[in-house]
Protein backbone atom coordinates (compact mmCIF):
# COMPACT_ATOMS: atom_id res chain seq x y z
CA MET A 1 -21.86 -3.42 -40.47
CA ARG A 2 -18.44 -2.81 -42.48
CA LEU A 3 -18.73 0.92 -41.84
CA ILE A 4 -17.68 0.47 -38.10
CA PRO A 5 -14.32 -1.23 -38.64
CA ALA A 6 -13.75 1.08 -41.45
CA ALA A 7 -14.28 4.04 -38.93
CA GLY A 8 -11.80 2.25 -36.57
CA GLN A 9 -9.22 2.16 -39.37
CA ALA A 10 -9.83 6.04 -40.17
CA ALA A 11 -9.50 6.85 -36.45
CA PHE A 12 -6.10 4.95 -36.24
CA ALA A 13 -4.83 6.55 -39.42
CA ALA A 14 -5.76 9.98 -38.13
CA ALA A 15 -4.23 9.32 -34.78
CA VAL A 16 -0.90 8.28 -36.69
CA LEU A 17 -1.05 11.51 -38.84
CA ALA A 18 -1.57 13.64 -35.55
CA ALA A 19 1.57 11.83 -34.04
CA VAL A 20 3.64 12.54 -37.25
CA ALA A 21 2.47 16.06 -37.36
CA LEU A 22 3.41 16.57 -33.91
CA ALA A 23 6.91 14.97 -34.35
CA ALA A 24 7.41 17.10 -37.46
CA GLY A 25 6.93 20.28 -35.12
CA ALA A 26 3.32 21.15 -35.30
CA ASP A 27 1.99 22.96 -32.25
CA GLY A 28 -1.20 21.54 -31.23
CA THR A 29 -1.53 23.64 -28.00
CA ALA A 30 -2.04 26.92 -29.75
CA GLY A 31 -4.76 28.57 -31.65
CA GLY A 32 -8.51 28.56 -31.40
CA LEU A 33 -8.78 24.65 -32.32
CA ALA A 34 -6.77 23.86 -29.24
CA ARG A 35 -9.62 24.93 -27.04
CA ILE A 36 -11.47 21.83 -28.51
CA ALA A 37 -8.58 19.36 -29.24
CA ARG A 38 -5.48 19.75 -27.55
CA LEU A 39 -2.48 17.88 -29.21
CA ASP A 40 0.78 17.59 -27.31
CA ALA A 41 3.00 14.72 -26.61
CA LEU A 42 0.73 13.08 -24.03
CA SER A 43 -2.64 13.22 -26.02
CA ALA A 44 -0.88 12.15 -29.29
CA ALA A 45 0.74 8.89 -27.57
CA MET A 46 -2.77 8.14 -25.78
CA LEU A 47 -4.68 8.74 -29.00
CA LEU A 48 -2.44 6.42 -30.80
CA LEU A 49 -2.68 3.94 -28.16
CA VAL A 50 -6.43 3.95 -27.77
CA ALA A 51 -6.99 4.00 -31.54
CA GLY A 52 -4.76 1.15 -32.08
CA LEU A 53 -6.30 -1.03 -29.45
CA GLY A 54 -9.80 0.05 -30.51
CA LEU A 55 -9.23 -1.12 -34.01
CA VAL A 56 -7.75 -4.51 -32.76
CA VAL A 57 -10.95 -4.97 -30.34
CA LEU A 58 -13.15 -4.06 -33.32
CA ARG A 59 -11.80 -6.52 -35.68
CA TYR A 60 -11.74 -9.14 -32.92
CA SER A 61 -15.56 -8.53 -32.20
CA ARG A 62 -16.72 -9.10 -35.66
CA THR A 63 -15.48 -12.75 -35.44
CA TYR A 64 -16.30 -13.08 -31.79
CA LEU A 65 -19.96 -12.39 -32.20
CA ALA A 66 -20.31 -13.80 -35.78
CA GLY A 67 -24.08 -15.01 -36.26
CA HIS A 68 -25.26 -13.15 -33.02
CA PRO A 69 -28.47 -11.22 -33.86
CA ARG A 70 -27.36 -8.24 -31.88
CA ARG A 71 -23.73 -8.17 -33.35
CA GLY A 72 -24.40 -4.63 -35.18
CA ALA A 73 -25.74 -3.15 -31.93
CA PHE A 74 -22.56 -4.44 -30.08
CA LEU A 75 -20.30 -3.06 -32.64
CA GLY A 76 -22.05 0.40 -32.61
CA ASP A 77 -21.83 0.49 -28.76
CA LEU A 78 -18.26 -0.36 -28.79
CA ALA A 79 -17.41 2.20 -31.42
CA LEU A 80 -19.24 4.85 -29.40
CA THR A 81 -17.22 3.97 -26.29
CA ILE A 82 -13.95 4.16 -28.25
CA GLY A 83 -15.01 7.41 -29.67
CA ALA A 84 -15.86 8.82 -26.19
CA VAL A 85 -12.42 7.75 -25.00
CA GLN A 86 -10.51 9.33 -27.83
CA LEU A 87 -12.60 12.66 -27.16
CA LEU A 88 -11.42 12.47 -23.45
CA VAL A 89 -7.84 12.13 -24.60
CA VAL A 90 -7.70 15.20 -26.86
CA ALA A 91 -10.39 17.54 -24.97
CA GLY A 92 -8.72 21.01 -24.64
CA ASP A 93 -11.57 22.33 -22.45
CA LEU A 94 -12.81 21.15 -19.13
CA VAL A 95 -16.43 21.07 -20.03
CA LEU A 96 -15.58 18.96 -23.24
CA LEU A 97 -13.40 16.73 -20.87
CA ALA A 98 -16.22 16.19 -18.30
CA ALA A 99 -18.75 15.33 -21.08
CA ALA A 100 -16.36 12.81 -22.48
CA TRP A 101 -15.66 11.51 -19.03
CA ILE A 102 -19.44 10.93 -18.52
CA GLY A 103 -20.00 9.61 -21.98
CA THR A 104 -17.25 6.92 -21.71
CA SER A 105 -18.77 5.47 -18.60
CA LEU A 106 -22.46 5.41 -19.77
CA ALA A 107 -21.42 4.01 -23.16
CA LEU A 108 -19.38 1.36 -21.35
CA HIS A 109 -22.50 0.60 -19.26
CA ARG A 110 -24.33 -0.49 -22.27
CA LEU A 111 -21.55 -3.07 -23.16
CA LEU A 112 -21.33 -4.33 -19.70
CA VAL A 113 -25.06 -5.29 -19.72
CA PHE A 114 -24.96 -6.68 -23.20
CA PHE A 115 -25.97 -10.13 -21.94
CA PRO A 116 -29.10 -9.51 -19.88
CA GLU A 117 -29.26 -13.35 -18.79
CA ARG A 118 -25.94 -13.11 -17.12
CA ARG A 119 -26.78 -11.94 -13.43
CA MET A 120 -23.05 -11.43 -12.35
CA ALA A 121 -22.45 -9.04 -15.11
CA GLN A 122 -25.68 -7.03 -14.29
CA LEU A 123 -24.76 -7.03 -10.70
CA ALA A 124 -21.14 -5.80 -11.34
CA ALA A 125 -22.43 -3.19 -13.88
CA ARG A 126 -24.89 -1.71 -11.32
CA LYS A 127 -21.91 -1.37 -8.83
CA LYS A 128 -19.78 0.19 -11.34
CA PHE A 129 -22.73 2.71 -12.30
CA VAL A 130 -22.91 3.77 -8.60
CA PHE A 131 -19.08 4.53 -8.35
CA SER A 132 -18.98 6.08 -11.84
CA ARG A 133 -21.63 8.49 -11.03
CA ALA A 134 -19.93 9.81 -7.85
CA GLY A 135 -16.75 10.00 -10.00
CA ASP A 136 -18.87 12.16 -12.38
CA LEU A 137 -19.89 14.43 -9.67
CA CYS A 138 -16.63 15.04 -8.52
CA VAL A 139 -15.32 16.13 -11.94
CA LEU A 140 -18.36 18.28 -12.53
CA ALA A 141 -17.68 19.85 -9.02
CA ALA A 142 -13.98 20.50 -9.88
CA THR A 143 -14.84 21.91 -13.32
CA ALA A 144 -17.28 24.41 -11.55
CA ILE A 145 -14.85 25.23 -9.01
CA LEU A 146 -12.10 25.98 -11.66
CA ALA A 147 -14.53 27.92 -13.70
CA ILE A 148 -15.26 30.20 -10.84
CA THR A 149 -11.62 30.45 -9.56
CA VAL A 150 -9.74 30.92 -12.90
CA GLY A 151 -12.56 32.50 -14.69
CA THR A 152 -12.46 30.09 -17.67
CA THR A 153 -12.71 26.26 -18.33
CA SER A 154 -9.72 26.43 -21.05
CA LEU A 155 -7.46 23.52 -20.15
CA ASP A 156 -4.39 25.67 -21.07
CA ALA A 157 -5.58 28.62 -18.78
CA VAL A 158 -6.27 26.26 -15.78
CA LEU A 159 -2.82 24.59 -16.04
CA GLY A 160 -1.23 27.97 -16.37
CA ALA A 161 -2.83 29.17 -13.41
CA ALA A 162 -1.87 26.23 -11.48
CA ARG A 163 1.72 26.63 -12.41
CA ALA A 164 1.62 30.50 -11.55
CA GLY A 165 0.21 29.94 -8.17
CA GLY A 166 -0.96 32.84 -6.11
CA ASP A 167 -2.90 33.00 -2.82
CA HIS A 168 -6.11 34.36 -4.55
CA VAL A 169 -6.46 30.99 -6.38
CA ALA A 170 -4.57 28.44 -4.27
CA GLY A 171 -7.88 27.48 -2.09
CA GLY A 172 -9.89 26.89 -5.19
CA LEU A 173 -7.15 25.00 -6.98
CA GLY A 174 -6.48 22.92 -3.96
CA ALA A 175 -10.09 21.98 -3.79
CA ALA A 176 -10.40 21.09 -7.24
CA ALA A 177 -7.18 18.95 -7.05
CA VAL A 178 -8.74 16.98 -4.35
CA LEU A 179 -11.94 16.24 -6.23
CA VAL A 180 -9.94 15.18 -9.25
CA ALA A 181 -7.85 12.75 -7.13
CA ILE A 182 -11.16 11.24 -5.73
CA ALA A 183 -12.61 10.84 -9.13
CA ALA A 184 -9.53 9.11 -10.35
CA VAL A 185 -9.58 6.82 -7.39
CA LEU A 186 -13.24 5.98 -8.17
CA LYS A 187 -12.54 5.47 -11.89
CA SER A 188 -9.34 3.44 -11.55
CA ALA A 189 -10.98 0.79 -9.25
CA GLN A 190 -8.88 1.56 -6.36
CA MET A 191 -9.84 -0.40 -2.98
CA PRO A 192 -12.34 -0.41 -1.66
CA PHE A 193 -14.06 0.75 -4.84
CA HIS A 194 -12.80 -2.09 -6.79
CA VAL A 195 -15.51 -4.56 -6.08
CA TRP A 196 -17.12 -4.45 -9.58
CA LEU A 197 -13.94 -5.04 -11.57
CA PRO A 198 -13.21 -8.64 -10.85
CA GLU A 199 -16.92 -9.42 -11.34
CA VAL A 200 -17.12 -8.16 -15.09
CA MET A 201 -15.60 -11.34 -16.42
CA GLU A 202 -19.36 -12.35 -17.34
CA THR A 203 -19.18 -9.67 -20.08
CA PRO A 204 -17.98 -10.39 -23.68
CA THR A 205 -14.14 -10.82 -24.05
CA PRO A 206 -13.74 -7.71 -26.18
CA VAL A 207 -15.31 -5.66 -23.51
CA SER A 208 -12.97 -7.02 -20.94
CA ALA A 209 -9.97 -6.25 -23.25
CA LEU A 210 -11.02 -2.79 -23.92
CA LEU A 211 -12.10 -2.02 -20.08
CA HIS A 212 -8.83 -3.57 -18.64
CA ALA A 213 -6.44 -2.33 -21.30
CA GLY A 214 -7.92 1.23 -21.70
CA ILE A 215 -10.79 2.66 -20.00
CA VAL A 216 -9.84 1.68 -16.38
CA ASN A 217 -6.73 3.88 -17.05
CA ALA A 218 -8.99 7.07 -17.56
CA GLY A 219 -8.51 7.94 -13.99
CA GLY A 220 -4.74 7.75 -14.27
CA TYR A 221 -4.79 9.90 -17.35
CA LEU A 222 -7.01 12.52 -15.93
CA VAL A 223 -4.44 13.02 -13.07
CA ILE A 224 -1.58 13.02 -15.52
CA ARG A 225 -3.44 15.47 -17.85
CA LEU A 226 -4.15 17.77 -14.94
CA ALA A 227 -0.75 17.25 -13.23
CA ASP A 228 0.03 20.76 -12.63
CA LEU A 229 -3.31 21.18 -10.84
CA VAL A 230 -2.79 18.04 -8.70
CA LEU A 231 0.73 19.23 -7.59
CA VAL A 232 -0.93 22.30 -6.05
CA SER A 233 -2.48 19.99 -3.32
CA ASP A 234 -0.31 17.95 -0.93
CA ALA A 235 -3.82 16.44 0.28
CA ALA A 236 -4.40 15.10 -3.35
CA LEU A 237 -1.04 13.80 -3.66
CA ALA A 238 -1.20 11.88 -0.21
CA LEU A 239 -4.72 10.63 -1.16
CA LEU A 240 -3.44 9.09 -4.46
CA ALA A 241 -0.37 7.57 -2.90
CA LEU A 242 -2.34 6.03 0.05
CA PHE A 243 -5.00 4.33 -2.09
CA GLY A 244 -2.46 3.35 -4.62
CA ALA A 245 -0.16 1.67 -2.14
CA VAL A 246 -3.03 -0.31 -0.54
CA THR A 247 -4.62 -1.35 -3.86
CA ALA A 248 -1.15 -2.47 -5.25
CA LEU A 249 -0.27 -4.58 -2.27
CA ALA A 250 -3.65 -6.12 -1.83
CA GLY A 251 -4.50 -6.71 -5.57
CA ALA A 252 -1.02 -8.45 -6.07
CA ALA A 253 -1.77 -10.75 -3.15
CA VAL A 254 -5.12 -11.70 -4.14
CA MET A 255 -3.83 -12.25 -7.65
CA GLN A 256 -1.72 -15.17 -6.45
CA ALA A 257 -4.61 -16.99 -5.13
CA GLN A 258 -6.72 -17.03 -8.43
CA THR A 259 -7.40 -20.40 -10.19
CA SER A 260 -8.69 -19.02 -13.44
CA VAL A 261 -6.79 -16.93 -16.11
CA LYS A 262 -9.51 -14.29 -16.27
CA GLY A 263 -9.72 -14.09 -12.53
CA ALA A 264 -5.85 -13.59 -12.36
CA LEU A 265 -5.96 -10.97 -15.24
CA ALA A 266 -8.62 -9.10 -13.30
CA TRP A 267 -6.77 -8.87 -10.04
CA SER A 268 -3.74 -8.10 -11.76
CA THR A 269 -5.57 -4.99 -13.25
CA VAL A 270 -6.29 -3.94 -9.93
CA ALA A 271 -2.81 -4.27 -8.46
CA GLN A 272 -1.53 -2.40 -11.73
CA MET A 273 -3.92 0.37 -11.22
CA GLY A 274 -2.74 0.63 -7.70
CA PHE A 275 0.82 0.95 -8.77
CA MET A 276 -0.08 3.38 -11.48
CA THR A 277 -2.05 5.60 -8.92
CA LEU A 278 0.86 5.32 -6.36
CA GLN A 279 3.19 6.69 -9.00
CA CYS A 280 0.88 9.75 -9.46
CA GLY A 281 0.66 10.39 -5.74
CA LEU A 282 4.58 10.42 -5.58
CA GLY A 283 4.76 12.82 -8.54
CA ALA A 284 6.14 10.35 -10.88
CA PHE A 285 3.68 11.20 -13.75
CA GLN A 286 6.07 10.27 -16.56
CA ALA A 287 6.55 6.82 -15.00
CA ALA A 288 2.74 6.54 -14.57
CA PHE A 289 2.14 7.37 -18.23
CA LEU A 290 4.68 4.73 -19.17
CA HIS A 291 2.97 2.30 -17.06
CA ILE A 292 -0.48 3.09 -18.71
CA VAL A 293 0.99 2.45 -22.06
CA ALA A 294 2.78 -0.72 -21.31
CA HIS A 295 -0.21 -2.11 -19.33
CA GLY A 296 -2.45 -1.28 -22.03
CA LEU A 297 -0.57 -3.25 -24.75
CA TYR A 298 0.06 -6.19 -22.43
CA LYS A 299 -3.45 -6.53 -21.00
CA ALA A 300 -5.29 -6.33 -24.26
CA HIS A 301 -3.09 -9.11 -25.73
CA ALA A 302 -3.58 -11.12 -22.44
CA PHE A 303 -7.28 -10.95 -22.70
CA LEU A 304 -7.76 -11.52 -26.36
CA SER A 305 -5.52 -14.49 -26.33
CA ALA A 306 -6.47 -16.01 -23.02
CA GLY A 307 -8.68 -18.52 -24.68
CA SER A 308 -5.88 -19.91 -26.75
CA VAL A 309 -3.71 -20.95 -23.63
CA LEU A 310 -5.33 -24.34 -23.22
CA ALA A 311 -5.88 -24.93 -27.02
CA ASP A 312 -2.24 -24.37 -27.81
CA PRO A 313 -0.11 -25.13 -24.85
CA VAL A 314 3.13 -24.32 -26.93
CA ALA A 315 2.07 -20.83 -27.05
CA THR A 316 3.42 -20.59 -23.48
CA PRO A 317 6.95 -22.06 -23.69
CA ALA A 318 8.99 -23.14 -20.60
CA LEU A 319 12.10 -21.11 -19.79
CA ASP A 320 14.24 -24.17 -20.99
CA ARG A 321 16.27 -21.80 -23.14
CA PRO A 322 16.93 -18.59 -21.13
CA TRP A 323 19.64 -17.52 -23.41
CA ARG A 324 17.01 -16.89 -26.20
CA LEU A 325 15.19 -14.42 -24.05
CA ALA A 326 18.53 -12.67 -22.99
CA ALA A 327 19.54 -12.41 -26.64
CA TRP A 328 16.18 -10.91 -27.71
CA LEU A 329 16.41 -8.38 -24.80
CA ALA A 330 19.81 -7.45 -25.65
CA VAL A 331 18.96 -6.78 -29.17
CA ALA A 332 15.96 -4.53 -28.10
CA ALA A 333 18.13 -2.67 -25.81
CA LEU A 334 20.91 -2.15 -28.41
CA ALA A 335 18.29 -1.02 -30.98
CA VAL A 336 16.98 1.56 -28.48
CA GLY A 337 20.40 2.74 -27.42
CA GLY A 338 21.50 2.98 -31.11
CA GLY A 339 18.36 5.08 -32.07
CA ALA A 340 18.94 7.39 -29.03
CA VAL A 341 22.62 7.94 -30.35
CA ALA A 342 21.49 8.45 -33.93
CA LEU A 343 18.85 10.96 -32.88
CA GLY A 344 21.34 12.74 -30.51
CA VAL A 345 19.16 11.99 -27.41
CA ASP A 346 20.97 12.05 -24.10
CA PRO A 347 19.51 9.28 -21.90
CA LEU A 348 20.52 10.98 -18.73
CA ALA A 349 19.17 14.36 -19.81
CA ALA A 350 15.90 13.05 -21.39
CA PRO A 351 15.27 9.64 -19.67
CA GLY A 352 11.55 9.53 -20.72
CA PRO A 353 11.60 8.87 -24.17
CA VAL A 354 14.34 6.27 -23.88
CA LEU A 355 12.33 4.32 -21.13
CA PHE A 356 9.28 4.58 -23.42
CA ALA A 357 11.12 3.11 -26.27
CA LEU A 358 12.65 0.47 -24.04
CA VAL A 359 9.22 -0.71 -22.82
CA LEU A 360 7.84 -0.77 -26.48
CA GLY A 361 10.95 -2.90 -27.45
CA PHE A 362 10.79 -5.23 -24.60
CA GLY A 363 7.05 -5.65 -25.44
CA LEU A 364 7.82 -6.96 -28.88
CA VAL A 365 10.43 -9.36 -27.28
CA HIS A 366 7.54 -11.37 -26.17
CA LEU A 367 6.40 -12.04 -29.80
CA LEU A 368 9.73 -12.74 -31.11
CA TRP A 369 10.83 -15.00 -28.24
CA HIS A 370 7.68 -17.10 -28.82
CA ALA A 371 8.53 -17.33 -32.47
CA SER A 372 11.94 -18.33 -31.95
CA ALA A 373 10.66 -21.15 -29.66
CA GLY A 374 8.32 -22.56 -32.27
CA GLY A 375 5.02 -21.43 -30.62
CA SER A 376 1.99 -20.31 -32.21
CA ASP A 377 3.27 -16.96 -32.96
CA ALA A 378 5.98 -18.36 -35.31
CA ARG A 379 3.06 -19.24 -37.49
CA ALA A 380 1.68 -15.95 -37.14
CA LEU A 381 4.87 -14.23 -38.23
CA GLY A 382 5.39 -16.75 -41.06
């Protein structure tokens, strides 16, 4: 029982070491190992995010299911799902990526049906199963087309061929890009394929946190990972933009009418996935990645702390002292700006890292603001 949280801690430590090694100048995109595990800024950041969220969810789950006779099985399935997502993030070969893509969905399905007596959860899991298998077929078909067109399934070779272009591969690359876009639309619960997502609230809370904070982002990550390929096809970009725009608008509207905390959070995820997909369709892949990270951190905290809203109303202080919030935001902005100056980073020349740091800094403001207002977070910090 203790081995699973320990494995989560080891995975998080490995993710931190990988990020440090990359920051120190290591090249994780060269050599034979890169064919299996590709380490660059994108995969390192996502690996750190997934490992961190996974560790938090695993530790939460030990208490959440304390005394349940199947707690060990649940923790095992949860660890298996997190491991499959981590494999998806670092995969350097399309075959390995496709296997991890399918494995993530199958492992998640076991978690969604953990409570067999909850009929709504069973129904939602069946709907998701159908859409996921359609997405799996798209990924497998795209992998086969790319293997025939490029002559290899190496991720580096495929992205290189997409950047190089050429009439002899344009048709195959375009078809593969459209299939990747369709797979992302299905995976990220874009309308009208979203019907299962608001219905999975009957699953255990840790599953909801992991699903909404991480796994539902897999479609967006796939598009960002294969951004050079997706840019080859205008049809793929238009498809992403269309589905994303409709989903964002409809999801945001429906969210306003929800009367339960979890219902509002679920429809918030639908809307946020729409915004992220729209960003991908517009070619703003850096903004979409920033959206994934920010949404993952926020939504995991929101689901895991949703039950404490009624028990501790002080945890959501009113905006009676707006100067406190303004002060914390100013401190975060000055810290990021000072760090950029100290490291010699020009915000205009390289806006991505600066925006990324700002989002993380503003996210921490939430905790500090609550602490300054005397809420439950003050006790946590004390």
